[in-house]
């Protein structure tokens, strides 16, 4: 079982914040999560194949559903629309924590398959300052 490390959860939180999840509503979080999903899918599909990316998202949802049972409904995340529908009805704080856990676990799985260096390269292509922000946070802690 691969759970998200603190570093991966922080990366996920930063991706979501960059896409607008800090808006304070579950709708803003759901929309940001949908954008992150779409961008990760677009960047990783050439490396892992669309089916591979979807399998990793499904596995991430399965691993995360013990902590966030709402993800059981989204065990097959074939689109960002389904992810948004899963997150929108939740309390904003729960929606945010759920999305962070899901994407953190996803990033951990991706890192297991393609390595830290290539994972960061993919993330930096879409979110150029992602690692700088994570490094700054780690230096403070």
N, C-alpha and C. Protein backbone atom coordinates (compact mmCIF):
# COMPACT_ATOMS: atom_id res chain seq x y z
N UNK A 1 0.85 -1.18 0.00
CA UNK A 1 0.00 0.00 0.00
C UNK A 1 0.89 1.24 0.00
N UNK A 2 0.62 2.18 -0.87
CA UNK A 2 1.38 3.42 -0.96
C UNK A 2 0.50 4.57 -0.48
N UNK A 3 0.85 5.09 0.68
CA UNK A 3 0.15 6.27 1.18
C UNK A 3 0.98 7.49 0.81
N UNK A 4 0.31 8.60 0.72
CA UNK A 4 1.00 9.84 0.37
C UNK A 4 1.94 10.26 1.50
N UNK A 5 3.15 10.60 1.14
CA UNK A 5 4.08 11.14 2.12
C UNK A 5 3.68 12.59 2.40
N UNK A 6 4.26 13.15 3.44
CA UNK A 6 3.99 14.56 3.76
C UNK A 6 4.40 15.45 2.59
N UNK A 7 5.49 15.11 1.93
CA UNK A 7 5.96 15.90 0.78
C UNK A 7 4.95 15.85 -0.37
N UNK A 8 4.44 14.65 -0.65
CA UNK A 8 3.47 14.51 -1.74
C UNK A 8 2.15 15.20 -1.40
N UNK A 9 1.72 15.13 -0.14
CA UNK A 9 0.50 15.83 0.27
C UNK A 9 0.69 17.34 0.11
N UNK A 10 1.87 17.83 0.46
CA UNK A 10 2.15 19.26 0.31
C UNK A 10 2.16 19.66 -1.16
N UNK A 11 2.76 18.83 -2.00
CA UNK A 11 2.73 19.11 -3.44
C UNK A 11 1.30 19.15 -3.95
N UNK A 12 0.50 18.20 -3.52
CA UNK A 12 -0.90 18.16 -3.94
C UNK A 12 -1.63 19.41 -3.47
N UNK A 13 -1.39 19.82 -2.24
CA UNK A 13 -2.04 21.03 -1.71
C UNK A 13 -1.66 22.25 -2.54
N UNK A 14 -0.39 22.33 -2.92
CA UNK A 14 0.08 23.46 -3.72
C UNK A 14 -0.50 23.44 -5.13
N UNK A 15 -0.62 22.26 -5.72
CA UNK A 15 -1.24 22.17 -7.05
C UNK A 15 -2.68 22.67 -6.99
N UNK A 16 -3.40 22.22 -5.99
CA UNK A 16 -4.79 22.62 -5.84
C UNK A 16 -4.91 24.12 -5.57
N UNK A 17 -4.05 24.65 -4.72
CA UNK A 17 -4.07 26.09 -4.43
C UNK A 17 -3.75 26.89 -5.68
N UNK A 18 -2.78 26.43 -6.44
CA UNK A 18 -2.41 27.11 -7.68
C UNK A 18 -3.59 27.18 -8.64
N UNK A 19 -4.41 26.13 -8.65
CA UNK A 19 -5.56 26.07 -9.55
C UNK A 19 -6.81 26.72 -8.96
N UNK A 20 -6.72 27.28 -7.76
CA UNK A 20 -7.83 28.05 -7.22
C UNK A 20 -8.62 27.39 -6.11
N UNK A 21 -8.10 26.35 -5.50
CA UNK A 21 -8.84 25.65 -4.44
C UNK A 21 -8.94 26.47 -3.16
N UNK A 22 -8.16 27.52 -3.04
CA UNK A 22 -8.16 28.31 -1.81
C UNK A 22 -9.36 29.25 -1.75
N UNK A 23 -10.32 29.09 -2.63
CA UNK A 23 -11.49 29.95 -2.69
C UNK A 23 -12.43 29.83 -1.51
N UNK A 24 -12.27 28.77 -0.71
CA UNK A 24 -13.08 28.63 0.48
C UNK A 24 -14.37 27.84 0.30
N UNK A 25 -14.75 27.51 -0.91
CA UNK A 25 -15.98 26.74 -1.12
C UNK A 25 -15.63 25.36 -1.68
N UNK A 26 -16.55 24.43 -1.48
CA UNK A 26 -16.32 23.09 -2.03
C UNK A 26 -16.36 23.12 -3.56
N UNK A 27 -17.14 24.05 -4.12
CA UNK A 27 -17.18 24.17 -5.59
C UNK A 27 -15.83 24.62 -6.13
N UNK A 28 -15.19 25.58 -5.45
CA UNK A 28 -13.87 26.05 -5.89
C UNK A 28 -12.85 24.92 -5.79
N UNK A 29 -12.91 24.16 -4.72
CA UNK A 29 -12.01 23.03 -4.55
C UNK A 29 -12.26 21.98 -5.62
N UNK A 30 -13.51 21.67 -5.88
CA UNK A 30 -13.87 20.67 -6.89
C UNK A 30 -13.41 21.09 -8.28
N UNK A 31 -13.58 22.37 -8.59
CA UNK A 31 -13.15 22.88 -9.89
C UNK A 31 -11.64 22.81 -10.02
N UNK A 32 -10.93 23.21 -8.96
CA UNK A 32 -9.47 23.14 -8.97
C UNK A 32 -9.00 21.69 -9.11
N UNK A 33 -9.63 20.78 -8.39
CA UNK A 33 -9.28 19.36 -8.48
C UNK A 33 -9.51 18.83 -9.90
N UNK A 34 -10.58 19.26 -10.52
CA UNK A 34 -10.84 18.87 -11.90
C UNK A 34 -9.75 19.35 -12.85
N UNK A 35 -9.30 20.58 -12.64
CA UNK A 35 -8.22 21.12 -13.49
C UNK A 35 -6.92 20.36 -13.27
N UNK A 36 -6.59 20.07 -12.01
CA UNK A 36 -5.37 19.32 -11.71
C UNK A 36 -5.46 17.94 -12.36
N UNK A 37 -6.61 17.29 -12.21
CA UNK A 37 -6.81 15.97 -12.82
C UNK A 37 -6.57 16.03 -14.33
N UNK A 38 -7.20 17.00 -14.99
CA UNK A 38 -7.07 17.12 -16.45
C UNK A 38 -5.62 17.38 -16.86
N UNK A 39 -4.94 18.25 -16.14
CA UNK A 39 -3.56 18.59 -16.50
C UNK A 39 -2.61 17.42 -16.24
N UNK A 40 -2.79 16.73 -15.12
CA UNK A 40 -1.96 15.56 -14.85
C UNK A 40 -2.21 14.48 -15.90
N UNK A 41 -3.46 14.27 -16.24
CA UNK A 41 -3.81 13.28 -17.25
C UNK A 41 -3.16 13.63 -18.59
N UNK A 42 -3.23 14.89 -18.98
CA UNK A 42 -2.65 15.32 -20.26
C UNK A 42 -1.13 15.14 -20.28
N UNK A 43 -0.47 15.43 -19.17
CA UNK A 43 1.00 15.34 -19.12
C UNK A 43 1.51 13.92 -18.95
N UNK A 44 0.75 13.10 -18.22
CA UNK A 44 1.23 11.75 -17.92
C UNK A 44 0.78 10.70 -18.94
N UNK A 45 -0.28 10.96 -19.67
CA UNK A 45 -0.76 9.97 -20.65
C UNK A 45 0.31 9.58 -21.67
N UNK A 46 1.13 10.53 -22.17
CA UNK A 46 2.17 10.10 -23.11
C UNK A 46 3.21 9.15 -22.48
N UNK A 47 3.39 9.23 -21.16
CA UNK A 47 4.36 8.37 -20.48
C UNK A 47 3.74 7.04 -20.02
N UNK A 48 2.52 7.12 -19.49
CA UNK A 48 1.90 5.95 -18.87
C UNK A 48 0.73 5.39 -19.66
N UNK A 49 0.29 6.12 -20.68
CA UNK A 49 -0.92 5.76 -21.41
C UNK A 49 -2.14 6.24 -20.64
N UNK A 50 -3.21 6.52 -21.35
CA UNK A 50 -4.44 7.00 -20.70
C UNK A 50 -4.96 5.97 -19.71
N UNK A 51 -4.93 4.70 -20.10
CA UNK A 51 -5.40 3.64 -19.21
C UNK A 51 -4.53 3.56 -17.96
N UNK A 52 -3.23 3.77 -18.12
CA UNK A 52 -2.32 3.74 -16.97
C UNK A 52 -2.60 4.86 -15.99
N UNK A 53 -2.83 6.07 -16.51
CA UNK A 53 -3.14 7.21 -15.66
C UNK A 53 -4.46 6.96 -14.92
N UNK A 54 -5.45 6.48 -15.64
CA UNK A 54 -6.76 6.22 -15.02
C UNK A 54 -6.65 5.10 -13.98
N UNK A 55 -5.83 4.10 -14.24
CA UNK A 55 -5.63 3.02 -13.27
C UNK A 55 -4.97 3.55 -11.99
N UNK A 56 -4.01 4.45 -12.16
CA UNK A 56 -3.36 5.03 -10.97
C UNK A 56 -4.32 5.92 -10.19
N UNK A 57 -5.18 6.66 -10.88
CA UNK A 57 -6.18 7.46 -10.17
C UNK A 57 -7.16 6.54 -9.44
N UNK A 58 -7.59 5.48 -10.09
CA UNK A 58 -8.51 4.54 -9.44
C UNK A 58 -7.86 3.91 -8.21
N UNK A 59 -6.60 3.53 -8.33
CA UNK A 59 -5.87 2.95 -7.19
C UNK A 59 -5.72 3.98 -6.08
N UNK A 60 -5.46 5.22 -6.45
CA UNK A 60 -5.34 6.29 -5.45
C UNK A 60 -6.64 6.48 -4.70
N UNK A 61 -7.76 6.46 -5.42
CA UNK A 61 -9.07 6.59 -4.79
C UNK A 61 -9.32 5.42 -3.85
N UNK A 62 -8.96 4.22 -4.27
CA UNK A 62 -9.15 3.03 -3.44
C UNK A 62 -8.32 3.13 -2.16
N UNK A 63 -7.07 3.54 -2.28
CA UNK A 63 -6.19 3.66 -1.11
C UNK A 63 -6.64 4.77 -0.17
N UNK A 64 -7.21 5.81 -0.72
CA UNK A 64 -7.59 6.98 0.07
C UNK A 64 -8.98 6.84 0.68
N UNK A 65 -9.80 5.94 0.16
CA UNK A 65 -11.19 5.86 0.62
C UNK A 65 -11.32 5.38 2.06
N UNK A 66 -10.30 4.74 2.63
CA UNK A 66 -10.39 4.36 4.04
C UNK A 66 -10.41 5.60 4.93
N UNK A 67 -9.68 6.62 4.52
CA UNK A 67 -9.65 7.89 5.26
C UNK A 67 -10.80 8.81 4.83
N UNK A 68 -11.18 8.73 3.56
CA UNK A 68 -12.23 9.58 3.00
C UNK A 68 -13.22 8.70 2.24
N UNK A 69 -14.22 8.16 2.94
CA UNK A 69 -15.14 7.18 2.34
C UNK A 69 -15.88 7.67 1.10
N UNK A 70 -16.04 8.96 0.94
CA UNK A 70 -16.75 9.49 -0.23
C UNK A 70 -16.07 9.07 -1.53
N UNK A 71 -14.77 8.80 -1.48
CA UNK A 71 -14.05 8.40 -2.69
C UNK A 71 -14.43 7.01 -3.17
N UNK A 72 -15.14 6.24 -2.34
CA UNK A 72 -15.60 4.92 -2.79
C UNK A 72 -16.51 5.06 -4.00
N UNK A 73 -17.27 6.16 -4.03
CA UNK A 73 -18.17 6.42 -5.17
C UNK A 73 -17.40 6.79 -6.43
N UNK A 74 -16.18 7.25 -6.25
CA UNK A 74 -15.38 7.69 -7.39
C UNK A 74 -14.22 6.74 -7.65
N UNK A 75 -14.39 5.47 -7.28
CA UNK A 75 -13.30 4.51 -7.44
C UNK A 75 -12.85 4.39 -8.89
N UNK A 76 -13.74 4.69 -9.82
CA UNK A 76 -13.36 4.72 -11.23
C UNK A 76 -13.43 6.18 -11.67
N UNK A 77 -12.29 6.83 -11.57
CA UNK A 77 -12.23 8.25 -11.93
C UNK A 77 -11.88 8.38 -13.40
N UNK A 78 -12.87 8.17 -14.25
CA UNK A 78 -12.58 8.23 -15.68
C UNK A 78 -12.60 9.65 -16.22
N UNK A 79 -13.02 10.60 -15.39
CA UNK A 79 -13.03 11.98 -15.88
C UNK A 79 -12.99 12.95 -14.70
N UNK A 80 -12.61 14.17 -15.01
CA UNK A 80 -12.60 15.20 -13.98
C UNK A 80 -14.02 15.55 -13.55
N UNK A 81 -14.99 15.32 -14.42
CA UNK A 81 -16.39 15.59 -14.08
C UNK A 81 -16.83 14.73 -12.91
N UNK A 82 -16.46 13.47 -12.92
CA UNK A 82 -16.82 12.57 -11.83
C UNK A 82 -16.12 12.98 -10.53
N UNK A 83 -14.89 13.41 -10.62
CA UNK A 83 -14.17 13.88 -9.43
C UNK A 83 -14.85 15.11 -8.85
N UNK A 84 -15.20 16.06 -9.71
CA UNK A 84 -15.89 17.28 -9.24
C UNK A 84 -17.21 16.91 -8.56
N UNK A 85 -17.96 16.00 -9.17
CA UNK A 85 -19.24 15.59 -8.60
C UNK A 85 -19.06 14.93 -7.24
N UNK A 86 -17.95 14.26 -7.04
CA UNK A 86 -17.66 13.62 -5.76
C UNK A 86 -17.32 14.65 -4.68
N UNK A 87 -16.63 15.72 -5.06
CA UNK A 87 -16.15 16.71 -4.08
C UNK A 87 -17.15 17.83 -3.77
N UNK A 88 -17.96 18.22 -4.74
CA UNK A 88 -18.84 19.37 -4.56
C UNK A 88 -19.80 19.29 -3.38
N UNK A 89 -20.42 18.13 -3.09
CA UNK A 89 -21.37 18.09 -1.97
C UNK A 89 -20.72 18.14 -0.59
N UNK A 90 -19.41 18.00 -0.53
CA UNK A 90 -18.72 17.93 0.76
C UNK A 90 -18.54 19.31 1.39
N UNK A 91 -18.34 19.30 2.70
CA UNK A 91 -17.94 20.51 3.41
C UNK A 91 -16.62 20.99 2.79
N UNK A 92 -16.42 22.31 2.66
CA UNK A 92 -15.19 22.80 2.00
C UNK A 92 -13.89 22.23 2.58
N UNK A 93 -13.79 22.14 3.89
CA UNK A 93 -12.56 21.60 4.49
C UNK A 93 -12.38 20.13 4.15
N UNK A 94 -13.45 19.38 4.17
CA UNK A 94 -13.39 17.95 3.85
C UNK A 94 -13.07 17.76 2.36
N UNK A 95 -13.67 18.57 1.52
CA UNK A 95 -13.39 18.49 0.08
C UNK A 95 -11.91 18.74 -0.19
N UNK A 96 -11.36 19.74 0.47
CA UNK A 96 -9.95 20.08 0.30
C UNK A 96 -9.04 18.95 0.80
N UNK A 97 -9.33 18.42 1.98
CA UNK A 97 -8.52 17.32 2.53
C UNK A 97 -8.62 16.08 1.65
N UNK A 98 -9.81 15.81 1.14
CA UNK A 98 -10.02 14.65 0.28
C UNK A 98 -9.20 14.77 -1.00
N UNK A 99 -9.27 15.94 -1.63
CA UNK A 99 -8.52 16.17 -2.87
C UNK A 99 -7.01 16.09 -2.62
N UNK A 100 -6.55 16.68 -1.51
CA UNK A 100 -5.13 16.62 -1.18
C UNK A 100 -4.67 15.18 -0.99
N UNK A 101 -5.46 14.39 -0.27
CA UNK A 101 -5.10 12.99 -0.04
C UNK A 101 -5.09 12.20 -1.35
N UNK A 102 -6.10 12.42 -2.17
CA UNK A 102 -6.18 11.71 -3.45
C UNK A 102 -4.98 12.03 -4.34
N UNK A 103 -4.71 13.32 -4.54
CA UNK A 103 -3.60 13.70 -5.42
C UNK A 103 -2.25 13.38 -4.80
N UNK A 104 -2.14 13.48 -3.48
CA UNK A 104 -0.89 13.10 -2.82
C UNK A 104 -0.59 11.63 -3.03
N UNK A 105 -1.61 10.79 -2.88
CA UNK A 105 -1.45 9.35 -3.12
C UNK A 105 -1.13 9.08 -4.58
N UNK A 106 -1.82 9.78 -5.47
CA UNK A 106 -1.55 9.63 -6.91
C UNK A 106 -0.09 9.98 -7.21
N UNK A 107 0.39 11.10 -6.68
CA UNK A 107 1.78 11.49 -6.93
C UNK A 107 2.76 10.48 -6.37
N UNK A 108 2.45 9.88 -5.22
CA UNK A 108 3.30 8.83 -4.66
C UNK A 108 3.37 7.62 -5.59
N UNK A 109 2.22 7.23 -6.12
CA UNK A 109 2.20 6.10 -7.04
C UNK A 109 2.96 6.41 -8.33
N UNK A 110 2.74 7.60 -8.86
CA UNK A 110 3.45 7.99 -10.09
C UNK A 110 4.96 7.98 -9.84
N UNK A 111 5.38 8.51 -8.71
CA UNK A 111 6.80 8.55 -8.37
C UNK A 111 7.37 7.13 -8.28
N UNK A 112 6.60 6.21 -7.76
CA UNK A 112 7.02 4.81 -7.68
C UNK A 112 7.28 4.25 -9.08
N UNK A 113 6.43 4.62 -10.03
CA UNK A 113 6.55 4.07 -11.38
C UNK A 113 7.60 4.77 -12.24
N UNK A 114 7.64 6.09 -12.20
CA UNK A 114 8.55 6.79 -13.13
C UNK A 114 9.70 7.51 -12.43
N UNK A 115 9.71 7.51 -11.12
CA UNK A 115 10.81 8.12 -10.37
C UNK A 115 10.53 9.58 -10.02
N UNK A 116 11.24 10.02 -9.00
CA UNK A 116 11.09 11.39 -8.48
C UNK A 116 11.46 12.44 -9.53
N UNK A 117 12.56 12.23 -10.20
CA UNK A 117 13.05 13.23 -11.16
C UNK A 117 12.06 13.47 -12.30
N UNK A 118 11.57 12.40 -12.89
CA UNK A 118 10.64 12.54 -14.00
C UNK A 118 9.28 13.08 -13.52
N UNK A 119 8.86 12.67 -12.35
CA UNK A 119 7.61 13.20 -11.78
C UNK A 119 7.71 14.71 -11.61
N UNK A 120 8.82 15.17 -11.05
CA UNK A 120 9.01 16.62 -10.87
C UNK A 120 9.08 17.34 -12.21
N UNK A 121 9.70 16.74 -13.18
CA UNK A 121 9.78 17.34 -14.51
C UNK A 121 8.38 17.53 -15.09
N UNK A 122 7.53 16.54 -14.93
CA UNK A 122 6.14 16.64 -15.41
C UNK A 122 5.41 17.75 -14.67
N UNK A 123 5.55 17.78 -13.34
CA UNK A 123 4.87 18.81 -12.54
C UNK A 123 5.35 20.21 -12.91
N UNK A 124 6.65 20.36 -13.07
CA UNK A 124 7.21 21.68 -13.39
C UNK A 124 6.76 22.19 -14.76
N UNK A 125 6.46 21.28 -15.66
CA UNK A 125 6.00 21.71 -16.98
C UNK A 125 4.69 22.49 -16.87
N UNK A 126 3.79 22.02 -16.02
CA UNK A 126 2.49 22.66 -15.83
C UNK A 126 2.54 23.72 -14.75
N UNK A 127 3.30 23.45 -13.69
CA UNK A 127 3.36 24.34 -12.51
C UNK A 127 4.84 24.63 -12.22
N UNK A 128 5.44 25.59 -12.91
CA UNK A 128 6.89 25.82 -12.85
C UNK A 128 7.45 26.08 -11.45
N UNK A 129 6.67 26.63 -10.56
CA UNK A 129 7.21 26.98 -9.24
C UNK A 129 6.85 25.96 -8.16
N UNK A 130 6.31 24.82 -8.53
CA UNK A 130 5.83 23.85 -7.55
C UNK A 130 6.92 23.39 -6.59
N UNK A 131 8.07 23.07 -7.06
CA UNK A 131 9.12 22.56 -6.17
C UNK A 131 9.74 23.66 -5.34
N UNK A 132 9.83 24.87 -5.88
CA UNK A 132 10.35 25.99 -5.08
C UNK A 132 9.47 26.23 -3.88
N UNK A 133 8.16 26.19 -4.09
CA UNK A 133 7.22 26.41 -3.00
C UNK A 133 7.32 25.30 -1.96
N UNK A 134 7.47 24.07 -2.40
CA UNK A 134 7.59 22.94 -1.47
C UNK A 134 8.89 23.05 -0.69
N UNK A 135 9.98 23.42 -1.34
CA UNK A 135 11.26 23.56 -0.65
C UNK A 135 11.19 24.66 0.40
N UNK A 136 10.52 25.76 0.08
CA UNK A 136 10.38 26.86 1.04
C UNK A 136 9.62 26.40 2.26
N UNK A 137 8.56 25.63 2.07
CA UNK A 137 7.77 25.12 3.18
C UNK A 137 8.60 24.15 4.03
N UNK A 138 9.38 23.29 3.39
CA UNK A 138 10.20 22.33 4.13
C UNK A 138 11.27 23.04 4.93
N UNK A 139 11.85 24.12 4.42
CA UNK A 139 12.88 24.85 5.13
C UNK A 139 12.33 25.52 6.39
N UNK A 140 11.03 25.89 6.37
CA UNK A 140 10.43 26.54 7.52
C UNK A 140 10.16 25.55 8.64
N UNK A 141 9.88 24.27 8.27
CA UNK A 141 9.46 23.26 9.25
C UNK A 141 10.56 22.63 9.97
